[in-house]
N, C-alpha and C. Protein backbone atom coordinates (compact mmCIF):
# COMPACT_ATOMS: atom_id res chain seq x y z
N MET A 1 -50.47 -10.31 -90.56
CA MET A 1 -51.12 -11.50 -91.05
C MET A 1 -50.49 -12.73 -90.40
N ILE A 2 -51.33 -13.63 -89.94
CA ILE A 2 -50.85 -14.87 -89.32
C ILE A 2 -51.09 -16.02 -90.29
N ILE A 3 -50.03 -16.76 -90.59
CA ILE A 3 -50.06 -17.84 -91.57
C ILE A 3 -49.84 -19.16 -90.86
N TYR A 4 -50.71 -20.11 -91.10
CA TYR A 4 -50.48 -21.47 -90.62
C TYR A 4 -49.84 -22.24 -91.76
N PHE A 5 -48.67 -22.82 -91.52
CA PHE A 5 -47.93 -23.55 -92.54
C PHE A 5 -48.12 -25.05 -92.34
N ALA A 6 -49.03 -25.63 -93.11
CA ALA A 6 -49.31 -27.06 -93.04
C ALA A 6 -48.41 -27.79 -94.03
N HIS A 7 -47.76 -28.85 -93.56
CA HIS A 7 -46.89 -29.64 -94.43
C HIS A 7 -46.65 -31.01 -93.83
N PRO A 8 -46.22 -31.97 -94.66
CA PRO A 8 -46.05 -33.34 -94.18
C PRO A 8 -44.97 -33.45 -93.09
N ILE A 9 -45.15 -34.40 -92.20
CA ILE A 9 -44.19 -34.66 -91.13
C ILE A 9 -42.81 -34.95 -91.72
N SER A 10 -42.78 -35.60 -92.86
CA SER A 10 -41.50 -35.94 -93.49
C SER A 10 -40.69 -34.70 -93.90
N MET A 11 -41.32 -33.53 -93.93
CA MET A 11 -40.61 -32.29 -94.26
C MET A 11 -40.09 -31.56 -93.02
N TYR A 12 -40.52 -31.98 -91.84
CA TYR A 12 -40.11 -31.28 -90.62
C TYR A 12 -38.59 -31.26 -90.51
N GLY A 13 -38.02 -30.07 -90.31
CA GLY A 13 -36.58 -29.92 -90.14
C GLY A 13 -35.78 -30.00 -91.43
N SER A 14 -36.45 -30.12 -92.56
CA SER A 14 -35.75 -30.25 -93.84
C SER A 14 -35.31 -28.90 -94.39
N LYS A 15 -34.45 -28.97 -95.38
CA LYS A 15 -33.98 -27.76 -96.06
C LYS A 15 -35.14 -27.05 -96.76
N LYS A 16 -36.03 -27.84 -97.37
CA LYS A 16 -37.19 -27.26 -98.06
C LYS A 16 -38.08 -26.51 -97.07
N GLU A 17 -38.26 -27.08 -95.87
CA GLU A 17 -39.07 -26.41 -94.86
C GLU A 17 -38.46 -25.05 -94.50
N LYS A 18 -37.16 -25.00 -94.33
CA LYS A 18 -36.48 -23.75 -93.97
C LYS A 18 -36.60 -22.70 -95.08
N ILE A 19 -36.47 -23.14 -96.32
CA ILE A 19 -36.60 -22.22 -97.45
C ILE A 19 -38.01 -21.64 -97.51
N ILE A 20 -39.01 -22.51 -97.35
CA ILE A 20 -40.40 -22.04 -97.40
C ILE A 20 -40.70 -21.12 -96.22
N MET A 21 -40.17 -21.46 -95.04
CA MET A 21 -40.38 -20.61 -93.86
C MET A 21 -39.86 -19.20 -94.11
N LYS A 22 -38.68 -19.07 -94.72
CA LYS A 22 -38.12 -17.74 -95.02
C LYS A 22 -39.05 -16.95 -95.93
N GLU A 23 -39.61 -17.63 -96.93
CA GLU A 23 -40.55 -16.97 -97.85
C GLU A 23 -41.81 -16.52 -97.12
N LEU A 24 -42.35 -17.41 -96.29
CA LEU A 24 -43.60 -17.08 -95.59
C LEU A 24 -43.39 -15.97 -94.57
N GLU A 25 -42.22 -15.92 -93.94
CA GLU A 25 -41.95 -14.88 -92.94
C GLU A 25 -41.89 -13.50 -93.57
N LYS A 26 -41.70 -13.42 -94.88
CA LYS A 26 -41.75 -12.13 -95.59
C LYS A 26 -43.17 -11.60 -95.63
N ILE A 27 -44.15 -12.51 -95.54
CA ILE A 27 -45.56 -12.13 -95.64
C ILE A 27 -46.16 -11.80 -94.28
N GLY A 28 -45.78 -12.58 -93.27
CA GLY A 28 -46.36 -12.37 -91.94
C GLY A 28 -45.79 -13.32 -90.92
N LYS A 29 -46.47 -13.38 -89.78
CA LYS A 29 -46.07 -14.28 -88.70
C LYS A 29 -46.51 -15.70 -89.07
N VAL A 30 -45.63 -16.68 -88.86
CA VAL A 30 -45.90 -18.05 -89.29
C VAL A 30 -46.05 -18.97 -88.09
N ILE A 31 -47.14 -19.75 -88.10
CA ILE A 31 -47.31 -20.83 -87.13
C ILE A 31 -46.85 -22.10 -87.84
N ASN A 32 -45.78 -22.70 -87.36
CA ASN A 32 -45.21 -23.89 -87.98
C ASN A 32 -45.36 -25.09 -87.05
N PRO A 33 -46.25 -26.03 -87.38
CA PRO A 33 -46.42 -27.21 -86.53
C PRO A 33 -45.16 -28.08 -86.49
N GLY A 34 -44.26 -27.87 -87.46
CA GLY A 34 -43.01 -28.62 -87.49
C GLY A 34 -42.11 -28.31 -86.31
N LEU A 35 -42.38 -27.22 -85.62
CA LEU A 35 -41.58 -26.87 -84.44
C LEU A 35 -42.04 -27.65 -83.21
N TYR A 36 -43.22 -28.29 -83.32
CA TYR A 36 -43.79 -29.03 -82.18
C TYR A 36 -44.18 -30.46 -82.58
N PRO A 37 -43.28 -31.23 -83.20
CA PRO A 37 -43.70 -32.55 -83.68
C PRO A 37 -44.09 -33.48 -82.54
N GLY A 38 -45.29 -34.03 -82.64
CA GLY A 38 -45.76 -35.01 -81.67
C GLY A 38 -46.14 -34.45 -80.31
N LYS A 39 -46.09 -33.12 -80.13
CA LYS A 39 -46.39 -32.53 -78.83
C LYS A 39 -47.87 -32.30 -78.61
N PHE A 40 -48.63 -32.25 -79.70
CA PHE A 40 -50.05 -31.94 -79.58
C PHE A 40 -50.89 -33.02 -80.23
N GLU A 41 -52.15 -33.07 -79.86
CA GLU A 41 -53.13 -33.90 -80.54
C GLU A 41 -53.61 -33.13 -81.77
N ASN A 42 -54.23 -33.83 -82.69
CA ASN A 42 -54.70 -33.21 -83.92
C ASN A 42 -55.65 -32.04 -83.65
N LYS A 43 -56.48 -32.14 -82.61
CA LYS A 43 -57.42 -31.06 -82.28
C LYS A 43 -56.69 -29.76 -81.97
N GLU A 44 -55.54 -29.86 -81.32
CA GLU A 44 -54.79 -28.65 -80.97
C GLU A 44 -54.18 -27.99 -82.21
N TYR A 45 -53.76 -28.80 -83.18
CA TYR A 45 -53.27 -28.23 -84.44
C TYR A 45 -54.41 -27.51 -85.16
N LEU A 46 -55.62 -28.08 -85.09
CA LEU A 46 -56.77 -27.45 -85.73
C LEU A 46 -57.12 -26.13 -85.04
N LYS A 47 -56.88 -26.04 -83.74
CA LYS A 47 -57.08 -24.76 -83.03
C LYS A 47 -56.09 -23.72 -83.50
N MET A 48 -54.86 -24.16 -83.82
CA MET A 48 -53.86 -23.23 -84.37
C MET A 48 -54.30 -22.72 -85.73
N VAL A 49 -54.93 -23.59 -86.53
CA VAL A 49 -55.46 -23.19 -87.83
C VAL A 49 -56.52 -22.10 -87.62
N GLU A 50 -57.36 -22.26 -86.60
CA GLU A 50 -58.41 -21.28 -86.32
C GLU A 50 -57.83 -19.91 -85.97
N LYS A 51 -56.66 -19.89 -85.34
CA LYS A 51 -56.03 -18.62 -84.94
C LYS A 51 -55.36 -17.90 -86.11
N SER A 52 -55.17 -18.59 -87.23
CA SER A 52 -54.47 -17.99 -88.37
C SER A 52 -55.43 -17.23 -89.28
N ASP A 53 -54.85 -16.37 -90.11
CA ASP A 53 -55.64 -15.64 -91.11
C ASP A 53 -55.75 -16.44 -92.40
N ILE A 54 -54.66 -17.10 -92.78
CA ILE A 54 -54.65 -17.93 -93.98
C ILE A 54 -53.89 -19.21 -93.68
N LEU A 55 -54.06 -20.20 -94.55
CA LEU A 55 -53.28 -21.44 -94.45
C LEU A 55 -52.51 -21.60 -95.75
N VAL A 56 -51.22 -21.86 -95.61
CA VAL A 56 -50.37 -22.18 -96.75
C VAL A 56 -49.86 -23.59 -96.51
N PHE A 57 -50.00 -24.45 -97.53
CA PHE A 57 -49.51 -25.81 -97.35
C PHE A 57 -48.54 -26.18 -98.45
N SER A 58 -47.72 -27.15 -98.14
CA SER A 58 -46.73 -27.65 -99.08
C SER A 58 -46.80 -29.16 -99.08
N SER A 59 -46.16 -29.77 -100.06
CA SER A 59 -46.19 -31.22 -100.17
C SER A 59 -44.77 -31.75 -100.38
N LYS A 60 -44.63 -33.03 -100.24
CA LYS A 60 -43.36 -33.67 -100.57
C LYS A 60 -43.63 -34.50 -101.82
N ASN A 61 -43.04 -34.07 -102.92
CA ASN A 61 -43.23 -34.73 -104.23
C ASN A 61 -44.71 -34.81 -104.62
N GLY A 62 -45.46 -33.76 -104.28
CA GLY A 62 -46.87 -33.70 -104.66
C GLY A 62 -47.79 -34.53 -103.78
N ILE A 63 -47.29 -35.03 -102.66
CA ILE A 63 -48.07 -35.89 -101.76
C ILE A 63 -48.21 -35.22 -100.40
N ILE A 64 -49.41 -35.28 -99.83
CA ILE A 64 -49.61 -34.81 -98.46
C ILE A 64 -50.21 -35.94 -97.63
N GLY A 65 -50.02 -35.84 -96.33
CA GLY A 65 -50.56 -36.83 -95.40
C GLY A 65 -51.95 -36.44 -94.92
N LYS A 66 -52.53 -37.31 -94.13
CA LYS A 66 -53.89 -37.08 -93.64
C LYS A 66 -53.97 -35.86 -92.73
N GLY A 67 -52.93 -35.62 -91.91
CA GLY A 67 -52.95 -34.46 -91.02
C GLY A 67 -53.02 -33.15 -91.80
N THR A 68 -52.20 -33.02 -92.83
CA THR A 68 -52.22 -31.82 -93.68
C THR A 68 -53.57 -31.70 -94.38
N TYR A 69 -54.08 -32.83 -94.86
CA TYR A 69 -55.39 -32.85 -95.52
C TYR A 69 -56.48 -32.34 -94.57
N GLU A 70 -56.47 -32.81 -93.32
CA GLU A 70 -57.47 -32.39 -92.34
C GLU A 70 -57.34 -30.90 -92.02
N GLU A 71 -56.10 -30.39 -91.95
CA GLU A 71 -55.89 -28.96 -91.68
C GLU A 71 -56.42 -28.11 -92.82
N ILE A 72 -56.19 -28.55 -94.06
CA ILE A 72 -56.70 -27.82 -95.23
C ILE A 72 -58.23 -27.81 -95.20
N LYS A 73 -58.81 -28.96 -94.97
CA LYS A 73 -60.28 -29.09 -94.92
C LYS A 73 -60.87 -28.19 -93.83
N HIS A 74 -60.23 -28.17 -92.67
CA HIS A 74 -60.71 -27.36 -91.55
C HIS A 74 -60.64 -25.87 -91.90
N ALA A 75 -59.53 -25.44 -92.49
CA ALA A 75 -59.38 -24.02 -92.87
C ALA A 75 -60.44 -23.62 -93.90
N LYS A 76 -60.69 -24.49 -94.86
CA LYS A 76 -61.72 -24.19 -95.87
C LYS A 76 -63.10 -24.11 -95.24
N ASN A 77 -63.39 -25.01 -94.30
CA ASN A 77 -64.69 -24.97 -93.61
C ASN A 77 -64.87 -23.69 -92.81
N LEU A 78 -63.75 -23.11 -92.35
CA LEU A 78 -63.80 -21.84 -91.61
C LEU A 78 -63.85 -20.63 -92.55
N GLY A 79 -63.74 -20.87 -93.85
CA GLY A 79 -63.78 -19.78 -94.83
C GLY A 79 -62.45 -19.06 -95.00
N LYS A 80 -61.37 -19.68 -94.60
CA LYS A 80 -60.04 -19.06 -94.73
C LYS A 80 -59.48 -19.31 -96.12
N ASP A 81 -58.64 -18.39 -96.58
CA ASP A 81 -57.93 -18.60 -97.84
C ASP A 81 -56.89 -19.68 -97.62
N VAL A 82 -56.78 -20.60 -98.59
CA VAL A 82 -55.81 -21.68 -98.53
C VAL A 82 -55.00 -21.65 -99.82
N PHE A 83 -53.67 -21.65 -99.68
CA PHE A 83 -52.78 -21.61 -100.82
C PHE A 83 -51.83 -22.80 -100.79
N TYR A 84 -51.55 -23.34 -101.96
CA TYR A 84 -50.54 -24.39 -102.09
C TYR A 84 -49.26 -23.71 -102.55
N PHE A 85 -48.17 -23.95 -101.85
CA PHE A 85 -46.88 -23.34 -102.17
C PHE A 85 -45.87 -24.44 -102.45
N ASP A 86 -45.32 -24.45 -103.66
CA ASP A 86 -44.38 -25.51 -104.04
C ASP A 86 -42.92 -25.12 -103.82
N GLY A 87 -42.69 -23.99 -103.17
CA GLY A 87 -41.33 -23.53 -102.93
C GLY A 87 -40.96 -22.38 -103.86
N LYS A 88 -41.72 -22.21 -104.94
CA LYS A 88 -41.48 -21.12 -105.88
C LYS A 88 -42.72 -20.31 -106.15
N LEU A 89 -43.86 -21.00 -106.31
CA LEU A 89 -45.10 -20.34 -106.67
C LEU A 89 -46.22 -20.67 -105.70
N TYR A 90 -47.13 -19.71 -105.52
CA TYR A 90 -48.33 -19.93 -104.71
C TYR A 90 -49.48 -20.25 -105.68
N TYR A 91 -50.24 -21.27 -105.34
CA TYR A 91 -51.39 -21.65 -106.15
C TYR A 91 -52.65 -21.55 -105.31
N LYS A 92 -53.63 -20.82 -105.82
CA LYS A 92 -54.93 -20.75 -105.14
C LYS A 92 -55.87 -21.81 -105.69
N LYS A 93 -55.64 -22.22 -106.93
CA LYS A 93 -56.51 -23.20 -107.57
C LYS A 93 -55.76 -24.52 -107.68
N TYR A 94 -56.21 -25.47 -106.92
CA TYR A 94 -55.61 -26.80 -106.87
C TYR A 94 -56.70 -27.79 -106.53
N TYR A 95 -56.40 -29.05 -106.64
CA TYR A 95 -57.35 -30.07 -106.18
C TYR A 95 -56.57 -31.23 -105.59
N LEU A 96 -57.22 -31.95 -104.72
CA LEU A 96 -56.62 -33.08 -104.02
C LEU A 96 -57.30 -34.34 -104.54
N GLU A 97 -56.50 -35.31 -104.97
CA GLU A 97 -57.08 -36.51 -105.55
C GLU A 97 -56.37 -37.77 -105.07
N ASN A 98 -56.95 -38.90 -105.44
CA ASN A 98 -56.40 -40.22 -105.09
C ASN A 98 -56.24 -40.41 -103.59
N VAL A 99 -57.28 -40.10 -102.86
CA VAL A 99 -57.25 -40.27 -101.41
C VAL A 99 -57.10 -41.76 -101.09
N ASP A 100 -56.12 -42.08 -100.26
CA ASP A 100 -55.86 -43.46 -99.86
C ASP A 100 -56.08 -43.55 -98.35
N GLU A 101 -57.25 -43.98 -97.96
CA GLU A 101 -57.63 -44.06 -96.54
C GLU A 101 -56.70 -44.96 -95.73
N SER A 102 -56.03 -45.90 -96.39
CA SER A 102 -55.20 -46.87 -95.66
C SER A 102 -53.80 -46.34 -95.35
N ASN A 103 -53.40 -45.24 -95.97
CA ASN A 103 -52.04 -44.74 -95.80
C ASN A 103 -52.09 -43.28 -95.34
N TRP A 104 -51.94 -43.03 -94.04
CA TRP A 104 -52.11 -41.67 -93.53
C TRP A 104 -50.91 -40.77 -93.87
N ARG A 105 -49.76 -41.33 -94.20
CA ARG A 105 -48.61 -40.49 -94.59
C ARG A 105 -48.66 -40.06 -96.04
N GLU A 106 -49.19 -40.92 -96.91
CA GLU A 106 -49.35 -40.58 -98.32
C GLU A 106 -50.84 -40.64 -98.65
N TYR A 107 -51.56 -39.71 -98.04
CA TYR A 107 -53.02 -39.73 -98.06
C TYR A 107 -53.60 -39.32 -99.41
N CYS A 108 -53.03 -38.30 -100.05
CA CYS A 108 -53.53 -37.88 -101.35
C CYS A 108 -52.50 -37.05 -102.11
N GLN A 109 -52.79 -36.82 -103.39
CA GLN A 109 -51.93 -36.04 -104.27
C GLN A 109 -52.48 -34.63 -104.44
N VAL A 110 -51.56 -33.70 -104.64
CA VAL A 110 -51.94 -32.31 -104.91
C VAL A 110 -51.70 -32.06 -106.40
N LYS A 111 -52.72 -31.56 -107.07
CA LYS A 111 -52.61 -31.21 -108.49
C LYS A 111 -53.03 -29.75 -108.63
N VAL A 112 -52.34 -29.02 -109.49
CA VAL A 112 -52.71 -27.62 -109.71
C VAL A 112 -53.49 -27.49 -111.02
N TYR A 113 -54.42 -26.56 -111.02
CA TYR A 113 -55.25 -26.33 -112.21
C TYR A 113 -54.45 -25.62 -113.28
N LYS A 114 -54.81 -25.94 -114.50
CA LYS A 114 -54.27 -25.21 -115.64
C LYS A 114 -55.45 -24.61 -116.39
N LYS A 115 -55.21 -23.45 -116.95
CA LYS A 115 -56.22 -22.80 -117.78
C LYS A 115 -55.53 -22.46 -119.10
N ASP A 116 -55.97 -23.06 -120.17
CA ASP A 116 -55.35 -22.87 -121.48
C ASP A 116 -53.85 -23.18 -121.44
N GLY A 117 -53.47 -24.24 -120.72
CA GLY A 117 -52.07 -24.64 -120.65
C GLY A 117 -51.21 -23.81 -119.72
N ARG A 118 -51.83 -22.91 -118.97
CA ARG A 118 -51.07 -22.03 -118.08
C ARG A 118 -51.48 -22.29 -116.64
N TYR A 119 -50.54 -22.20 -115.73
CA TYR A 119 -50.81 -22.40 -114.31
C TYR A 119 -51.42 -21.15 -113.72
N ILE A 120 -52.43 -21.32 -112.89
CA ILE A 120 -53.07 -20.19 -112.23
C ILE A 120 -52.38 -20.02 -110.88
N THR A 121 -51.63 -18.96 -110.74
CA THR A 121 -50.86 -18.72 -109.52
C THR A 121 -51.25 -17.38 -108.92
N VAL A 122 -50.80 -17.16 -107.71
CA VAL A 122 -50.99 -15.86 -107.07
C VAL A 122 -49.64 -15.38 -106.57
N ILE A 123 -49.48 -14.07 -106.52
CA ILE A 123 -48.25 -13.51 -105.96
C ILE A 123 -48.63 -12.61 -104.79
N PRO A 124 -47.86 -12.69 -103.70
CA PRO A 124 -48.15 -11.81 -102.57
C PRO A 124 -47.73 -10.38 -102.90
N ARG A 125 -48.56 -9.43 -102.52
CA ARG A 125 -48.25 -8.01 -102.69
C ARG A 125 -48.35 -7.35 -101.33
N TYR A 126 -47.38 -6.52 -101.02
CA TYR A 126 -47.32 -5.85 -99.73
C TYR A 126 -47.61 -4.36 -99.95
N TYR A 127 -48.59 -3.85 -99.24
CA TYR A 127 -48.92 -2.44 -99.36
C TYR A 127 -49.38 -1.93 -98.00
N ARG A 128 -48.65 -0.96 -97.51
CA ARG A 128 -48.97 -0.33 -96.22
C ARG A 128 -49.16 -1.36 -95.11
N GLY A 129 -48.25 -2.31 -95.04
CA GLY A 129 -48.27 -3.30 -93.98
C GLY A 129 -49.31 -4.41 -94.15
N LYS A 130 -50.02 -4.39 -95.28
CA LYS A 130 -51.04 -5.40 -95.51
C LYS A 130 -50.65 -6.24 -96.73
N THR A 131 -50.89 -7.54 -96.64
CA THR A 131 -50.57 -8.44 -97.74
C THR A 131 -51.85 -8.85 -98.45
N THR A 132 -51.81 -8.77 -99.77
CA THR A 132 -52.90 -9.28 -100.60
C THR A 132 -52.27 -10.21 -101.62
N PHE A 133 -53.09 -11.01 -102.26
CA PHE A 133 -52.60 -11.92 -103.27
C PHE A 133 -53.26 -11.59 -104.60
N ARG A 134 -52.45 -11.39 -105.62
CA ARG A 134 -52.95 -11.06 -106.96
C ARG A 134 -52.79 -12.29 -107.86
N GLU A 135 -53.85 -12.65 -108.55
CA GLU A 135 -53.81 -13.83 -109.40
C GLU A 135 -53.13 -13.53 -110.73
N ILE A 136 -52.25 -14.44 -111.16
CA ILE A 136 -51.61 -14.34 -112.47
C ILE A 136 -51.64 -15.73 -113.11
N ASN A 137 -51.60 -15.76 -114.41
CA ASN A 137 -51.53 -17.03 -115.14
C ASN A 137 -50.17 -17.11 -115.82
N VAL A 138 -49.41 -18.16 -115.54
CA VAL A 138 -48.09 -18.31 -116.13
C VAL A 138 -47.92 -19.73 -116.67
N SER A 139 -47.06 -19.84 -117.65
CA SER A 139 -46.71 -21.17 -118.15
C SER A 139 -45.34 -21.54 -117.60
N ARG A 140 -45.05 -22.81 -117.54
CA ARG A 140 -43.72 -23.26 -117.08
C ARG A 140 -42.64 -22.72 -118.02
N ASN A 141 -42.95 -22.60 -119.32
CA ASN A 141 -41.97 -22.05 -120.26
C ASN A 141 -41.64 -20.60 -119.91
N TYR A 142 -42.66 -19.85 -119.52
CA TYR A 142 -42.44 -18.46 -119.11
C TYR A 142 -41.53 -18.41 -117.89
N LEU A 143 -41.81 -19.26 -116.91
CA LEU A 143 -40.99 -19.28 -115.71
C LEU A 143 -39.56 -19.65 -116.03
N PHE A 144 -39.37 -20.63 -116.92
CA PHE A 144 -38.03 -21.02 -117.31
C PHE A 144 -37.31 -19.85 -117.96
N SER A 145 -38.02 -19.10 -118.82
CA SER A 145 -37.37 -17.97 -119.49
C SER A 145 -36.98 -16.88 -118.50
N VAL A 146 -37.81 -16.65 -117.48
CA VAL A 146 -37.47 -15.65 -116.45
C VAL A 146 -36.22 -16.08 -115.69
N TYR A 147 -36.19 -17.34 -115.24
CA TYR A 147 -35.02 -17.84 -114.51
C TYR A 147 -33.78 -17.82 -115.39
N TYR A 148 -33.94 -18.18 -116.66
CA TYR A 148 -32.81 -18.19 -117.59
C TYR A 148 -32.27 -16.78 -117.79
N ASN A 149 -33.16 -15.80 -117.93
CA ASN A 149 -32.72 -14.41 -118.10
C ASN A 149 -31.98 -13.90 -116.87
N ILE A 150 -32.46 -14.23 -115.70
CA ILE A 150 -31.80 -13.82 -114.47
C ILE A 150 -30.43 -14.46 -114.38
N LEU A 151 -30.35 -15.73 -114.69
CA LEU A 151 -29.07 -16.44 -114.67
C LEU A 151 -28.11 -15.83 -115.69
N SER A 152 -28.58 -15.50 -116.88
CA SER A 152 -27.73 -14.89 -117.91
C SER A 152 -27.18 -13.56 -117.44
N ILE A 153 -28.03 -12.76 -116.81
CA ILE A 153 -27.58 -11.46 -116.30
C ILE A 153 -26.50 -11.65 -115.25
N MET A 154 -26.70 -12.64 -114.36
CA MET A 154 -25.71 -12.88 -113.31
C MET A 154 -24.38 -13.34 -113.90
N VAL A 155 -24.42 -14.21 -114.91
CA VAL A 155 -23.19 -14.69 -115.55
C VAL A 155 -22.48 -13.55 -116.24
N ASN A 156 -23.22 -12.72 -116.98
CA ASN A 156 -22.62 -11.57 -117.66
C ASN A 156 -22.02 -10.60 -116.65
N PHE A 157 -22.71 -10.37 -115.56
CA PHE A 157 -22.21 -9.49 -114.50
C PHE A 157 -20.90 -10.03 -113.93
N TYR A 158 -20.88 -11.33 -113.66
CA TYR A 158 -19.67 -11.97 -113.13
C TYR A 158 -18.52 -11.87 -114.13
N ASN A 159 -18.80 -12.19 -115.40
CA ASN A 159 -17.76 -12.12 -116.44
C ASN A 159 -17.21 -10.72 -116.59
N PHE A 160 -18.09 -9.72 -116.53
CA PHE A 160 -17.65 -8.34 -116.67
C PHE A 160 -16.70 -7.94 -115.55
N PHE A 161 -17.08 -8.24 -114.31
CA PHE A 161 -16.27 -7.82 -113.18
C PHE A 161 -15.05 -8.71 -112.94
N SER A 162 -15.04 -9.91 -113.46
CA SER A 162 -13.87 -10.76 -113.28
C SER A 162 -12.73 -10.34 -114.18
N HIS A 163 -13.01 -9.54 -115.21
CA HIS A 163 -11.96 -9.08 -116.13
C HIS A 163 -11.39 -7.72 -115.74
N ILE A 164 -11.91 -7.12 -114.72
CA ILE A 164 -11.43 -5.79 -114.29
C ILE A 164 -10.23 -5.93 -113.40
């Protein structure tokens, strides 16, 4: 699977970009425009989108620029799956709002859909070399409890072995 990773220029070379790249590389081969800043015209980035199987995009504080917006729009027009990834969860259901034509760096906001107070997310599943995405509905409270339980287990594990 070939993934095009669309994200704001302000994220290029950042720690968040590296973390997300590691996650995406678990799924497939990643085309990262952040490796070629300013080397191509917008049309060439759109050609890279055409070569991908899916597009995954990220934002900086919930904001994307016009370039990321155009890449998302192009992928959708081609019928490709587009996912929003916030560094922890993949969202298939999202919307873009508050488009500001005058500011190409802070072009619009990304909002995720909720259904009955729960976030609609997808998780990648790997089976026989193929990746699929399964939809799940989770609440932020559920996620907090999962992270808290993992942290508790790690602390207990550490405490147990530090006394030996």
